[in-house]
Amino acid sequence: MTTMTTTATTGTTVLDASGVTMRFGGLTAVRGVDLTVNAGEIVGLIGPNGAGKTTFFNCLTGLYVPTEGKVSYKGTVLPPKPHLVTQAGIARTFQNIRLFANMTVLENVLVGRHTRTKEGLWSALLRLPGYKKAENSSRERAMELLEFIGLADKADHLARNLPYGDQRKLEIARALASDPGLLLLDEPTAGMNPQETRVTEELIFAIRDQGIAVLVIEHDMRFIFNLCDRVAVLVQGEKLVEGTAEIVQGDERVVAAYLGTPFEGAPGADEVAEVEAAEAGAAAAAPPADRTPAAPTPADETPADETPADQAPAKADTTETGTTRTEEEEEDNR
């Protein structure tokens, strides 16, 4: 892996997300999240499935317009338009690989250079000298990135023929082609074996060493705690805690959130506590004879309110507005 020539001032605030809230009808997917990332820093974003992590990423990159709050990059509030966010200096990868399968490895990286190419349509059609110079510069930069990630020898291969781990690396190279100051990675090690995960970890460290900030969503806790300077935890769209790996690992609320155990101050915990208190009060007020349940008879072993799994009717996954949630919406709420 070679060294890139990108430089940045470590410690400068690159991303400042303030009070970011995203609602879909009656569903609040992200609620009042604050997060900052500095140049040369790796920050992790973790949380159970459906915590709103990918939705938050989409708010940062302009795919969604936040209902409330603002997102700033190097002190400038970003317009909620993906191409303008990329031009400003934020790039990302996605949870699912989104390569151009029938294009070569080199061509995929060149696609990522379009936001840094100033030549217009006529210059390209007429093959003017300015366009030719820009094209050569883009190819040089693309090959430099392929060398950096270790895929220079596969530049002419079709993207679809790459092994899974190399496809993930190619996505990162394409994102880096826009020369970002902040790179957002959405589950970069999903589906990888341990060796591929280690390679990805080394690659992200190398990116950080160039002064590029990294914000990463990941479910592999060993990976995230080894990698990140700070970790923020989202639970049901709200930021629960933020700090070093040691702080987050030692927070009992984080463990409870992953195990699905209600804890004091958790979203929805007040309602759960009220129900438990009501149930305890009802049990205490019951006559002694009513506190010992009768032993079920063989014919009565299945409670009336529990239907065997193979006989239970399928339930549609619906949002609070009553509409069926699509698979795409489920992914966005992660």
C-alpha atoms as a PDB file:
ATOM      1  CA  MET A   1       0.000   0.000   0.000  1.00  0.00           C
ATOM      2  CA  THR A   2       1.556   3.300  -1.085  1.00  0.00           C
ATOM      3  CA  THR A   3       1.195   6.714   0.526  1.00  0.00           C
ATOM      4  CA  MET A   4      -1.115   9.322  -0.982  1.00  0.00           C
ATOM      5  CA  THR A   5      -0.137  12.987  -1.126  1.00  0.00           C
ATOM      6  CA  THR A   6      -3.262  14.357   0.541  1.00  0.00           C
ATOM      7  CA  THR A   7      -2.698  16.572   3.587  1.00  0.00           C
ATOM      8  CA  ALA A   8      -4.953  18.161   6.204  1.00  0.00           C
ATOM      9  CA  THR A   9      -4.651  19.973   9.501  1.00  0.00           C
ATOM     10  CA  THR A  10      -5.394  17.514  12.286  1.00  0.00           C
ATOM     11  CA  GLY A  11      -7.776  18.826  14.926  1.00  0.00           C
ATOM     12  CA  THR A  12      -9.792  21.136  12.680  1.00  0.00           C
ATOM     13  CA  THR A  13     -13.541  20.531  12.986  1.00  0.00           C
ATOM     14  CA  VAL A  14     -14.647  19.022   9.691  1.00  0.00           C
ATOM     15  CA  LEU A  15     -18.216  17.955  10.447  1.00  0.00           C
ATOM     16  CA  ASP A  16     -20.616  19.656  12.832  1.00  0.00           C
ATOM     17  CA  ALA A  17     -24.095  18.119  12.943  1.00  0.00           C
ATOM     18  CA  SER A  18     -26.351  20.024  15.322  1.00  0.00           C
ATOM     19  CA  GLY A  19     -29.797  18.912  16.483  1.00  0.00           C
ATOM     20  CA  VAL A  20     -30.403  16.712  13.446  1.00  0.00           C
ATOM     21  CA  THR A  21     -33.953  15.343  13.447  1.00  0.00           C
ATOM     22  CA  MET A  22     -35.589  13.315  10.675  1.00  0.00           C
ATOM     23  CA  ARG A  23     -39.274  12.429  10.636  1.00  0.00           C
ATOM     24  CA  PHE A  24     -41.182  10.271   8.182  1.00  0.00           C
ATOM     25  CA  GLY A  25     -44.823  11.102   8.806  1.00  0.00           C
ATOM     26  CA  GLY A  26     -45.481  10.047  12.397  1.00  0.00           C
ATOM     27  CA  LEU A  27     -42.182   8.144  12.704  1.00  0.00           C
ATOM     28  CA  THR A  28     -39.169   9.979  14.124  1.00  0.00           C
ATOM     29  CA  ALA A  29     -36.145   8.067  12.837  1.00  0.00           C
ATOM     30  CA  VAL A  30     -33.513  10.488  14.195  1.00  0.00           C
ATOM     31  CA  ARG A  31     -34.128  12.872  17.081  1.00  0.00           C
ATOM     32  CA  GLY A  32     -31.892  15.843  17.963  1.00  0.00           C
ATOM     33  CA  VAL A  33     -28.527  14.212  17.270  1.00  0.00           C
ATOM     34  CA  ASP A  34     -25.360  16.299  17.765  1.00  0.00           C
ATOM     35  CA  LEU A  35     -22.039  15.021  16.441  1.00  0.00           C
ATOM     36  CA  THR A  36     -18.682  16.538  15.487  1.00  0.00           C
ATOM     37  CA  VAL A  37     -15.762  14.970  13.638  1.00  0.00           C
ATOM     38  CA  ASN A  38     -12.283  16.460  13.396  1.00  0.00           C
ATOM     39  CA  ALA A  39      -9.748  16.185  10.582  1.00  0.00           C
ATOM     40  CA  GLY A  40      -7.607  13.085  10.887  1.00  0.00           C
ATOM     41  CA  GLU A  41     -10.043  11.487  13.336  1.00  0.00           C
ATOM     42  CA  ILE A  42     -11.939   8.194  13.114  1.00  0.00           C
ATOM     43  CA  VAL A  43     -15.355   8.264  14.767  1.00  0.00           C
ATOM     44  CA  GLY A  44     -17.666   5.260  15.053  1.00  0.00           C
ATOM     45  CA  LEU A  45     -21.452   5.263  15.002  1.00  0.00           C
ATOM     46  CA  ILE A  46     -23.047   2.158  16.500  1.00  0.00           C
ATOM     47  CA  GLY A  47     -26.450   1.040  17.711  1.00  0.00           C
ATOM     48  CA  PRO A  48     -28.986  -1.779  17.386  1.00  0.00           C
ATOM     49  CA  ASN A  49     -30.743  -2.387  14.070  1.00  0.00           C
ATOM     50  CA  GLY A  50     -33.277   0.349  13.411  1.00  0.00           C
ATOM     51  CA  ALA A  51     -31.436   2.890  15.580  1.00  0.00           C
ATOM     52  CA  GLY A  52     -31.362   5.442  12.733  1.00  0.00           C
ATOM     53  CA  LYS A  53     -27.675   5.221  11.795  1.00  0.00           C
ATOM     54  CA  THR A  54     -28.090   5.073   8.021  1.00  0.00           C
ATOM     55  CA  THR A  55     -30.856   7.682   8.165  1.00  0.00           C
ATOM     56  CA  PHE A  56     -28.417   9.984   9.966  1.00  0.00           C
ATOM     57  CA  PHE A  57     -25.814   9.332   7.241  1.00  0.00           C
ATOM     58  CA  ASN A  58     -28.410  10.210   4.610  1.00  0.00           C
ATOM     59  CA  CYS A  59     -29.079  13.508   6.386  1.00  0.00           C
ATOM     60  CA  LEU A  60     -25.362  14.300   6.409  1.00  0.00           C
ATOM     61  CA  THR A  61     -24.934  13.631   2.691  1.00  0.00           C
ATOM     62  CA  GLY A  62     -28.018  15.421   1.383  1.00  0.00           C
ATOM     63  CA  LEU A  63     -30.051  12.348   0.442  1.00  0.00           C
ATOM     64  CA  TYR A  64     -32.566  13.435   3.085  1.00  0.00           C
ATOM     65  CA  VAL A  65     -33.470  16.970   4.110  1.00  0.00           C
ATOM     66  CA  PRO A  66     -33.469  16.985   7.932  1.00  0.00           C
ATOM     67  CA  THR A  67     -36.779  17.983   9.498  1.00  0.00           C
ATOM     68  CA  GLU A  68     -34.807  19.982  12.062  1.00  0.00           C
ATOM     69  CA  GLY A  69     -31.166  20.848  12.719  1.00  0.00           C
ATOM     70  CA  LYS A  70     -28.260  21.659  10.445  1.00  0.00           C
ATOM     71  CA  VAL A  71     -25.129  20.058   9.041  1.00  0.00           C
ATOM     72  CA  SER A  72     -21.942  22.101   8.590  1.00  0.00           C
ATOM     73  CA  TYR A  73     -18.714  21.182   6.830  1.00  0.00           C
ATOM     74  CA  LYS A  74     -15.673  23.221   7.851  1.00  0.00           C
ATOM     75  CA  GLY A  75     -17.925  25.959   9.200  1.00  0.00           C
ATOM     76  CA  THR A  76     -20.245  26.201   6.179  1.00  0.00           C
ATOM     77  CA  VAL A  77     -23.839  24.955   6.374  1.00  0.00           C
ATOM     78  CA  LEU A  78     -24.347  22.356   3.657  1.00  0.00           C
ATOM     79  CA  PRO A  79     -27.217  22.513   1.155  1.00  0.00           C
ATOM     80  CA  PRO A  80     -29.265  19.277   1.191  1.00  0.00           C
ATOM     81  CA  LYS A  81     -28.172  18.205  -2.295  1.00  0.00           C
ATOM     82  CA  PRO A  82     -25.874  15.175  -2.672  1.00  0.00           C
ATOM     83  CA  HIS A  83     -23.741  16.551  -5.523  1.00  0.00           C
ATOM     84  CA  LEU A  84     -23.131  19.815  -3.652  1.00  0.00           C
ATOM     85  CA  VAL A  85     -22.240  17.904  -0.488  1.00  0.00           C
ATOM     86  CA  THR A  86     -19.717  15.865  -2.502  1.00  0.00           C
ATOM     87  CA  GLN A  87     -18.270  19.003  -4.070  1.00  0.00           C
ATOM     88  CA  ALA A  88     -17.906  20.517  -0.597  1.00  0.00           C
ATOM     89  CA  GLY A  89     -15.738  17.591   0.509  1.00  0.00           C
ATOM     90  CA  ILE A  90     -17.873  14.760   1.932  1.00  0.00           C
ATOM     91  CA  ALA A  91     -17.876  11.329   0.278  1.00  0.00           C
ATOM     92  CA  ARG A  92     -19.515   8.072   1.302  1.00  0.00           C
ATOM     93  CA  THR A  93     -19.942   4.391   0.638  1.00  0.00           C
ATOM     94  CA  PHE A  94     -23.181   2.470   1.074  1.00  0.00           C
ATOM     95  CA  GLN A  95     -24.369  -0.497   3.059  1.00  0.00           C
ATOM     96  CA  ASN A  96     -24.915  -2.467  -0.150  1.00  0.00           C
ATOM     97  CA  ILE A  97     -22.223  -2.433  -2.833  1.00  0.00           C
ATOM     98  CA  ARG A  98     -23.116   0.020  -5.617  1.00  0.00           C
ATOM     99  CA  LEU A  99     -20.426  -0.467  -8.227  1.00  0.00           C
ATOM    100  CA  PHE A 100     -20.902  -0.295 -11.987  1.00  0.00           C
ATOM    101  CA  ALA A 101     -20.598  -4.035 -12.547  1.00  0.00           C
ATOM    102  CA  ASN A 102     -19.947  -3.901 -16.307  1.00  0.00           C
ATOM    103  CA  MET A 103     -17.321  -1.164 -16.079  1.00  0.00           C
ATOM    104  CA  THR A 104     -13.666  -1.741 -15.337  1.00  0.00           C
ATOM    105  CA  VAL A 105     -12.073  -1.106 -11.972  1.00  0.00           C
ATOM    106  CA  LEU A 106     -10.359   2.008 -13.363  1.00  0.00           C
ATOM    107  CA  GLU A 107     -13.573   3.324 -14.916  1.00  0.00           C
ATOM    108  CA  ASN A 108     -15.393   2.971 -11.597  1.00  0.00           C
ATOM    109  CA  VAL A 109     -12.802   5.171  -9.902  1.00  0.00           C
ATOM    110  CA  LEU A 110     -12.929   7.689 -12.767  1.00  0.00           C
ATOM    111  CA  VAL A 111     -16.657   8.081 -12.133  1.00  0.00           C
ATOM    112  CA  GLY A 112     -15.769   9.385  -8.692  1.00  0.00           C
ATOM    113  CA  ARG A 113     -13.583  12.105 -10.249  1.00  0.00           C
ATOM    114  CA  HIS A 114     -16.444  13.876 -12.032  1.00  0.00           C
ATOM    115  CA  THR A 115     -17.004  16.404  -9.224  1.00  0.00           C
ATOM    116  CA  ARG A 116     -13.375  17.520  -9.572  1.00  0.00           C
ATOM    117  CA  THR A 117     -13.488  17.908 -13.367  1.00  0.00           C
ATOM    118  CA  LYS A 118     -14.289  21.445 -14.520  1.00  0.00           C
ATOM    119  CA  GLU A 119     -14.476  20.827 -18.261  1.00  0.00           C
ATOM    120  CA  GLY A 120     -17.977  21.062 -19.730  1.00  0.00           C
ATOM    121  CA  LEU A 121     -19.963  19.047 -22.267  1.00  0.00           C
ATOM    122  CA  TRP A 122     -18.722  20.852 -25.377  1.00  0.00           C
ATOM    123  CA  SER A 123     -15.123  20.512 -24.277  1.00  0.00           C
ATOM    124  CA  ALA A 124     -15.658  16.763 -23.956  1.00  0.00           C
ATOM    125  CA  LEU A 125     -17.512  16.399 -27.264  1.00  0.00           C
ATOM    126  CA  LEU A 126     -14.935  18.413 -29.202  1.00  0.00           C
ATOM    127  CA  ARG A 127     -12.026  16.836 -27.349  1.00  0.00           C
ATOM    128  CA  LEU A 128     -10.523  20.244 -26.642  1.00  0.00           C
ATOM    129  CA  PRO A 129      -7.005  20.481 -25.135  1.00  0.00           C
ATOM    130  CA  GLY A 130      -8.399  21.439 -21.727  1.00  0.00           C
ATOM    131  CA  TYR A 131     -10.546  18.315 -21.628  1.00  0.00           C
ATOM    132  CA  LYS A 132      -7.671  16.067 -22.666  1.00  0.00           C
ATOM    133  CA  LYS A 133      -5.486  17.517 -19.923  1.00  0.00           C
ATOM    134  CA  ALA A 134      -8.224  17.032 -17.306  1.00  0.00           C
ATOM    135  CA  GLU A 135      -8.814  13.463 -18.502  1.00  0.00           C
ATOM    136  CA  ASN A 136      -5.137  12.563 -18.185  1.00  0.00           C
ATOM    137  CA  SER A 137      -5.005  14.126 -14.723  1.00  0.00           C
ATOM    138  CA  SER A 138      -8.060  12.115 -13.635  1.00  0.00           C
ATOM    139  CA  ARG A 139      -6.539   8.870 -14.902  1.00  0.00           C
ATOM    140  CA  GLU A 140      -3.317   9.555 -13.029  1.00  0.00           C
ATOM    141  CA  ARG A 141      -5.224  10.233  -9.823  1.00  0.00           C
ATOM    142  CA  ALA A 142      -7.390   7.126 -10.300  1.00  0.00           C
ATOM    143  CA  MET A 143      -4.329   4.919 -10.778  1.00  0.00           C
ATOM    144  CA  GLU A 144      -2.725   6.481  -7.707  1.00  0.00           C
ATOM    145  CA  LEU A 145      -5.797   5.502  -5.675  1.00  0.00           C
ATOM    146  CA  LEU A 146      -5.823   1.969  -7.086  1.00  0.00           C
ATOM    147  CA  GLU A 147      -2.170   1.637  -6.106  1.00  0.00           C
ATOM    148  CA  PHE A 148      -3.055   2.926  -2.645  1.00  0.00           C
ATOM    149  CA  ILE A 149      -5.745   0.279  -2.074  1.00  0.00           C
ATOM    150  CA  GLY A 150      -3.801  -2.506  -3.784  1.00  0.00           C
ATOM    151  CA  LEU A 151      -5.868  -2.938  -6.954  1.00  0.00           C
ATOM    152  CA  ALA A 152      -3.610  -1.306  -9.567  1.00  0.00           C
ATOM    153  CA  ASP A 153      -2.905  -4.704 -11.154  1.00  0.00           C
ATOM    154  CA  LYS A 154      -6.656  -5.199 -11.660  1.00  0.00           C
ATOM    155  CA  ALA A 155      -7.378  -1.805 -13.237  1.00  0.00           C
ATOM    156  CA  ASP A 156      -8.664  -3.382 -16.471  1.00  0.00           C
ATOM    157  CA  HIS A 157     -10.764  -6.084 -14.782  1.00  0.00           C
ATOM    158  CA  LEU A 158     -14.536  -5.781 -14.748  1.00  0.00           C
ATOM    159  CA  ALA A 159     -15.798  -4.776 -11.320  1.00  0.00           C
ATOM    160  CA  ARG A 160     -18.219  -7.707 -11.243  1.00  0.00           C
ATOM    161  CA  ASN A 161     -15.324 -10.173 -11.444  1.00  0.00           C
ATOM    162  CA  LEU A 162     -13.590  -8.896  -8.312  1.00  0.00           C
ATOM    163  CA  PRO A 163     -13.749 -10.864  -5.055  1.00  0.00           C
ATOM    164  CA  TYR A 164     -16.163  -9.427  -2.510  1.00  0.00           C
ATOM    165  CA  GLY A 165     -13.451  -7.853  -0.356  1.00  0.00           C
ATOM    166  CA  ASP A 166     -11.887  -6.139  -3.374  1.00  0.00           C
ATOM    167  CA  GLN A 167     -15.271  -4.766  -4.417  1.00  0.00           C
ATOM    168  CA  ARG A 168     -15.572  -3.142  -0.997  1.00  0.00           C
ATOM    169  CA  LYS A 169     -12.106  -1.616  -1.390  1.00  0.00           C
ATOM    170  CA  LEU A 170     -13.005  -0.360  -4.863  1.00  0.00           C
ATOM    171  CA  GLU A 171     -16.011   1.456  -3.423  1.00  0.00           C
ATOM    172  CA  ILE A 172     -13.713   3.218  -0.980  1.00  0.00           C
ATOM    173  CA  ALA A 173     -11.321   4.173  -3.795  1.00  0.00           C
ATOM    174  CA  ARG A 174     -14.191   5.628  -5.820  1.00  0.00           C
ATOM    175  CA  ALA A 175     -15.276   7.694  -2.816  1.00  0.00           C
ATOM    176  CA  LEU A 176     -11.702   8.912  -2.300  1.00  0.00           C
ATOM    177  CA  ALA A 177     -11.556   9.957  -5.962  1.00  0.00           C
ATOM    178  CA  SER A 178     -13.548  13.093  -5.097  1.00  0.00           C
ATOM    179  CA  ASP A 179     -10.694  14.170  -2.771  1.00  0.00           C
ATOM    180  CA  PRO A 180     -12.872  14.409   0.359  1.00  0.00           C
ATOM    181  CA  GLY A 181     -11.967  15.818   3.737  1.00  0.00           C
ATOM    182  CA  LEU A 182     -14.538  13.514   5.350  1.00  0.00           C
ATOM    183  CA  LEU A 183     -15.265   9.920   4.366  1.00  0.00           C
ATOM    184  CA  LEU A 184     -18.458   8.211   5.545  1.00  0.00           C
ATOM    185  CA  LEU A 185     -18.382   4.407   5.554  1.00  0.00           C
ATOM    186  CA  ASP A 186     -21.636   2.490   6.036  1.00  0.00           C
ATOM    187  CA  GLU A 187     -20.799  -1.010   7.340  1.00  0.00           C
ATOM    188  CA  PRO A 188     -17.557  -1.406   5.334  1.00  0.00           C
ATOM    189  CA  THR A 189     -16.831  -4.903   6.729  1.00  0.00           C
ATOM    190  CA  ALA A 190     -20.326  -6.374   6.306  1.00  0.00           C
ATOM    191  CA  GLY A 191     -20.038  -9.920   4.963  1.00  0.00           C
ATOM    192  CA  MET A 192     -16.241 -10.020   5.259  1.00  0.00           C
ATOM    193  CA  ASN A 193     -14.127 -12.773   6.752  1.00  0.00           C
ATOM    194  CA  PRO A 194     -11.618 -11.915   9.537  1.00  0.00           C
ATOM    195  CA  GLN A 195      -8.702 -11.495   7.120  1.00  0.00           C
ATOM    196  CA  GLU A 196     -10.649  -9.092   4.884  1.00  0.00           C
ATOM    197  CA  THR A 197     -11.754  -7.174   7.979  1.00  0.00           C
ATOM    198  CA  ARG A 198      -8.134  -6.709   9.069  1.00  0.00           C
ATOM    199  CA  VAL A 199      -7.199  -5.438   5.604  1.00  0.00           C
ATOM    200  CA  THR A 200     -10.065  -2.946   5.736  1.00  0.00           C
ATOM    201  CA  GLU A 201      -8.975  -1.774   9.178  1.00  0.00           C
ATOM    202  CA  GLU A 202      -5.442  -1.143   7.900  1.00  0.00           C
ATOM    203  CA  LEU A 203      -6.836   0.724   4.886  1.00  0.00           C
ATOM    204  CA  ILE A 204      -8.930   3.031   7.074  1.00  0.00           C
ATOM    205  CA  PHE A 205      -5.930   3.761   9.292  1.00  0.00           C
ATOM    206  CA  ALA A 206      -3.944   4.649   6.157  1.00  0.00           C
ATOM    207  CA  ILE A 207      -6.719   7.018   5.055  1.00  0.00           C
ATOM    208  CA  ARG A 208      -6.720   8.635   8.491  1.00  0.00           C
ATOM    209  CA  ASP A 209      -2.957   9.097   8.262  1.00  0.00           C
ATOM    210  CA  GLN A 210      -3.550  11.351   5.245  1.00  0.00           C
ATOM    211  CA  GLY A 211      -5.555  13.733   7.449  1.00  0.00           C
ATOM    212  CA  ILE A 212      -8.927  12.564   6.122  1.00  0.00           C
ATOM    213  CA  ALA A 213     -11.628  12.280   8.763  1.00  0.00           C
ATOM    214  CA  VAL A 214     -13.629   9.051   8.822  1.00  0.00           C
ATOM    215  CA  LEU A 215     -17.111   8.437  10.226  1.00  0.00           C
ATOM    216  CA  VAL A 216     -18.005   4.757  10.169  1.00  0.00           C
ATOM    217  CA  ILE A 217     -21.136   2.726  10.898  1.00  0.00           C
ATOM    218  CA  GLU A 218     -20.380  -0.845  11.890  1.00  0.00           C
ATOM    219  CA  HIS A 219     -21.889  -3.793  13.787  1.00  0.00           C
ATOM    220  CA  ASP A 220     -18.553  -5.546  14.408  1.00  0.00           C
ATOM    221  CA  MET A 221     -17.775  -4.239  17.897  1.00  0.00           C
ATOM    222  CA  ARG A 222     -14.207  -5.568  18.013  1.00  0.00           C
ATOM    223  CA  PHE A 223     -13.491  -3.797  14.733  1.00  0.00           C
ATOM    224  CA  ILE A 224     -15.085  -0.518  15.811  1.00  0.00           C
ATOM    225  CA  PHE A 225     -13.410  -0.358  19.224  1.00  0.00           C
ATOM    226  CA  ASN A 226      -9.966  -1.152  17.774  1.00  0.00           C
ATOM    227  CA  LEU A 227     -10.409   1.427  15.028  1.00  0.00           C
ATOM    228  CA  CYS A 228     -12.074   4.516  16.447  1.00  0.00           C
ATOM    229  CA  ASP A 229     -10.874   7.478  18.486  1.00  0.00           C
ATOM    230  CA  ARG A 230     -14.449   8.090  19.645  1.00  0.00           C
ATOM    231  CA  VAL A 231     -17.697   6.156  19.413  1.00  0.00           C
ATOM    232  CA  ALA A 232     -21.269   7.482  19.497  1.00  0.00           C
ATOM    233  CA  VAL A 233     -24.201   5.183  20.273  1.00  0.00           C
ATOM    234  CA  LEU A 234     -27.659   5.686  18.766  1.00  0.00           C
ATOM    235  CA  VAL A 235     -30.728   4.052  20.312  1.00  0.00           C
ATOM    236  CA  GLN A 236     -34.131   4.545  18.685  1.00  0.00           C
ATOM    237  CA  GLY A 237     -32.861   7.628  16.867  1.00  0.00           C
ATOM    238  CA  GLU A 238     -31.327   9.356  19.906  1.00  0.00           C
ATOM    239  CA  LYS A 239     -27.679   9.633  20.888  1.00  0.00           C
ATOM    240  CA  LEU A 240     -27.298   7.662  24.102  1.00  0.00           C
ATOM    241  CA  VAL A 241     -23.603   8.152  24.859  1.00  0.00           C
ATOM    242  CA  GLU A 242     -20.397   9.286  23.160  1.00  0.00           C
ATOM    243  CA  GLY A 243     -16.795   8.769  24.179  1.00  0.00           C
ATOM    244  CA  THR A 244     -13.757   6.538  23.901  1.00  0.00           C
ATOM    245  CA  ALA A 245     -14.070   2.789  23.451  1.00  0.00           C
ATOM    246  CA  GLU A 246     -13.472   2.296  27.176  1.00  0.00           C
ATOM    247  CA  ILE A 247     -16.255   4.700  28.140  1.00  0.00           C
ATOM    248  CA  VAL A 248     -18.772   3.172  25.740  1.00  0.00           C
ATOM    249  CA  GLN A 249     -17.902  -0.429  26.629  1.00  0.00           C
ATOM    250  CA  GLY A 250     -18.271   0.347  30.324  1.00  0.00           C
ATOM    251  CA  ASP A 251     -21.682   1.998  29.991  1.00  0.00           C
ATOM    252  CA  GLU A 252     -24.373  -0.398  31.229  1.00  0.00           C
ATOM    253  CA  ARG A 253     -26.997   1.411  29.147  1.00  0.00           C
ATOM    254  CA  VAL A 254     -25.183   0.434  25.955  1.00  0.00           C
ATOM    255  CA  VAL A 255     -25.166  -3.235  26.949  1.00  0.00           C
ATOM    256  CA  ALA A 256     -28.843  -3.012  27.900  1.00  0.00           C
ATOM    257  CA  ALA A 257     -29.728  -1.378  24.587  1.00  0.00           C
ATOM    258  CA  TYR A 258     -28.097  -4.180  22.590  1.00  0.00           C
ATOM    259  CA  LEU A 259     -29.780  -6.835  24.736  1.00  0.00           C
ATOM    260  CA  GLY A 260     -33.153  -5.120  24.402  1.00  0.00           C
ATOM    261  CA  THR A 261     -33.386  -4.465  28.156  1.00  0.00           C
ATOM    262  CA  PRO A 262     -35.147  -1.210  29.172  1.00  0.00           C
ATOM    263  CA  PHE A 263     -33.023   1.137  31.270  1.00  0.00           C
ATOM    264  CA  GLU A 264     -33.616   4.430  33.042  1.00  0.00           C
ATOM    265  CA  GLY A 265     -33.662   7.306  30.569  1.00  0.00           C
ATOM    266  CA  ALA A 266     -33.942   5.104  27.489  1.00  0.00           C
ATOM    267  CA  PRO A 267     -36.379   6.086  24.727  1.00  0.00           C
ATOM    268  CA  GLY A 268     -39.648   4.475  25.761  1.00  0.00           C
ATOM    269  CA  ALA A 269     -38.318   3.479  29.188  1.00  0.00           C
ATOM    270  CA  ASP A 270     -40.871   5.652  31.019  1.00  0.00           C
ATOM    271  CA  GLU A 271     -43.735   3.834  29.333  1.00  0.00           C
ATOM    272  CA  VAL A 272     -42.185   0.455  30.134  1.00  0.00           C
ATOM    273  CA  ALA A 273     -41.697   1.492  33.771  1.00  0.00           C
ATOM    274  CA  GLU A 274     -45.341   2.587  34.037  1.00  0.00           C
ATOM    275  CA  VAL A 275     -46.556  -0.756  32.707  1.00  0.00           C
ATOM    276  CA  GLU A 276     -44.291  -2.700  35.078  1.00  0.00           C
ATOM    277  CA  ALA A 277     -45.429  -0.594  38.053  1.00  0.00           C
ATOM    278  CA  ALA A 278     -49.073  -1.140  37.150  1.00  0.00           C
ATOM    279  CA  GLU A 279     -48.526  -4.886  36.834  1.00  0.00           C
ATOM    280  CA  ALA A 280     -46.706  -5.006  40.181  1.00  0.00           C
ATOM    281  CA  GLY A 281     -49.498  -3.029  41.841  1.00  0.00           C
ATOM    282  CA  ALA A 282     -52.140  -5.336  40.441  1.00  0.00           C
ATOM    283  CA  ALA A 283     -50.241  -8.396  41.676  1.00  0.00           C
ATOM    284  CA  ALA A 284     -49.859  -6.914  45.169  1.00  0.00           C
ATOM    285  CA  ALA A 285     -53.565  -6.096  45.400  1.00  0.00           C
ATOM    286  CA  ALA A 286     -54.689  -9.549  44.291  1.00  0.00           C
ATOM    287  CA  PRO A 287     -56.148 -11.921  46.972  1.00  0.00           C
ATOM    288  CA  PRO A 288     -53.673 -14.611  48.146  1.00  0.00           C
ATOM    289  CA  ALA A 289     -55.672 -17.355  46.478  1.00  0.00           C
ATOM    290  CA  ASP A 290     -55.340 -15.605  43.132  1.00  0.00           C
ATOM    291  CA  ARG A 291     -51.556 -15.314  43.245  1.00  0.00           C
ATOM    292  CA  THR A 292     -50.876 -19.023  42.653  1.00  0.00           C
ATOM    293  CA  PRO A 293     -51.813 -19.976  39.099  1.00  0.00           C
ATOM    294  CA  ALA A 294     -53.598 -23.267  38.588  1.00  0.00           C
ATOM    295  CA  ALA A 295     -51.543 -25.992  36.951  1.00  0.00           C
ATOM    296  CA  PRO A 296     -52.507 -26.311  33.299  1.00  0.00           C
ATOM    297  CA  THR A 297     -54.156 -29.478  32.081  1.00  0.00           C
ATOM    298  CA  PRO A 298     -52.572 -31.278  29.120  1.00  0.00           C
ATOM    299  CA  ALA A 299     -55.277 -29.932  26.833  1.00  0.00           C
ATOM    300  CA  ASP A 300     -54.752 -26.463  28.168  1.00  0.00           C
ATOM    301  CA  GLU A 301     -50.953 -26.164  27.956  1.00  0.00           C
ATOM    302  CA  THR A 302     -51.033 -23.483  25.273  1.00  0.00           C
ATOM    303  CA  PRO A 303     -52.325 -20.191  26.746  1.00  0.00           C
ATOM    304  CA  ALA A 304     -55.283 -18.648  24.971  1.00  0.00           C
ATOM    305  CA  ASP A 305     -53.260 -15.620  23.923  1.00  0.00           C
ATOM    306  CA  GLU A 306     -50.362 -17.643  22.474  1.00  0.00           C
ATOM    307  CA  THR A 307     -50.940 -19.291  19.123  1.00  0.00           C
ATOM    308  CA  PRO A 308     -48.338 -21.882  18.021  1.00  0.00           C
ATOM    309  CA  ALA A 309     -45.789 -20.310  15.675  1.00  0.00           C
ATOM    310  CA  ASP A 310     -46.758 -22.530  12.744  1.00  0.00           C
ATOM    311  CA  GLN A 311     -50.406 -21.409  13.058  1.00  0.00           C
ATOM    312  CA  ALA A 312     -49.828 -17.732  13.758  1.00  0.00           C
ATOM    313  CA  PRO A 313     -50.980 -15.340  11.026  1.00  0.00           C
ATOM    314  CA  ALA A 314     -48.231 -13.272   9.416  1.00  0.00           C
ATOM    315  CA  LYS A 315     -48.058  -9.671  10.553  1.00  0.00           C
ATOM    316  CA  ALA A 316     -47.271  -6.813   8.214  1.00  0.00           C
ATOM    317  CA  ASP A 317     -44.464  -4.539   9.408  1.00  0.00           C
ATOM    318  CA  THR A 318     -46.134  -1.186   9.563  1.00  0.00           C
ATOM    319  CA  THR A 319     -45.085   2.309  10.477  1.00  0.00           C
ATOM    320  CA  GLU A 320     -46.905   4.439  13.043  1.00  0.00           C
ATOM    321  CA  THR A 321     -48.926   5.952  10.208  1.00  0.00           C
ATOM    322  CA  GLY A 322     -50.316   2.511   9.389  1.00  0.00           C
ATOM    323  CA  THR A 323     -48.582   2.079   6.046  1.00  0.00           C
ATOM    324  CA  THR A 324     -46.502  -0.976   5.244  1.00  0.00           C
ATOM    325  CA  ARG A 325     -42.806  -0.263   5.585  1.00  0.00           C
ATOM    326  CA  THR A 326     -40.767  -1.156   2.525  1.00  0.00           C
ATOM    327  CA  GLU A 327     -37.440  -2.939   2.587  1.00  0.00           C
ATOM    328  CA  GLU A 328     -35.702   0.296   1.547  1.00  0.00           C
ATOM    329  CA  GLU A 329     -37.240   2.202   4.470  1.00  0.00           C
ATOM    330  CA  GLU A 330     -36.070  -0.532   6.861  1.00  0.00           C
ATOM    331  CA  GLU A 331     -32.495  -0.079   5.622  1.00  0.00           C
ATOM    332  CA  ASP A 332     -32.743   3.729   5.941  1.00  0.00           C
ATOM    333  CA  ASN A 333     -33.786   3.442   9.581  1.00  0.00           C
ATOM    334  CA  ARG A 334     -30.650   1.519  10.568  1.00  0.00           C
END
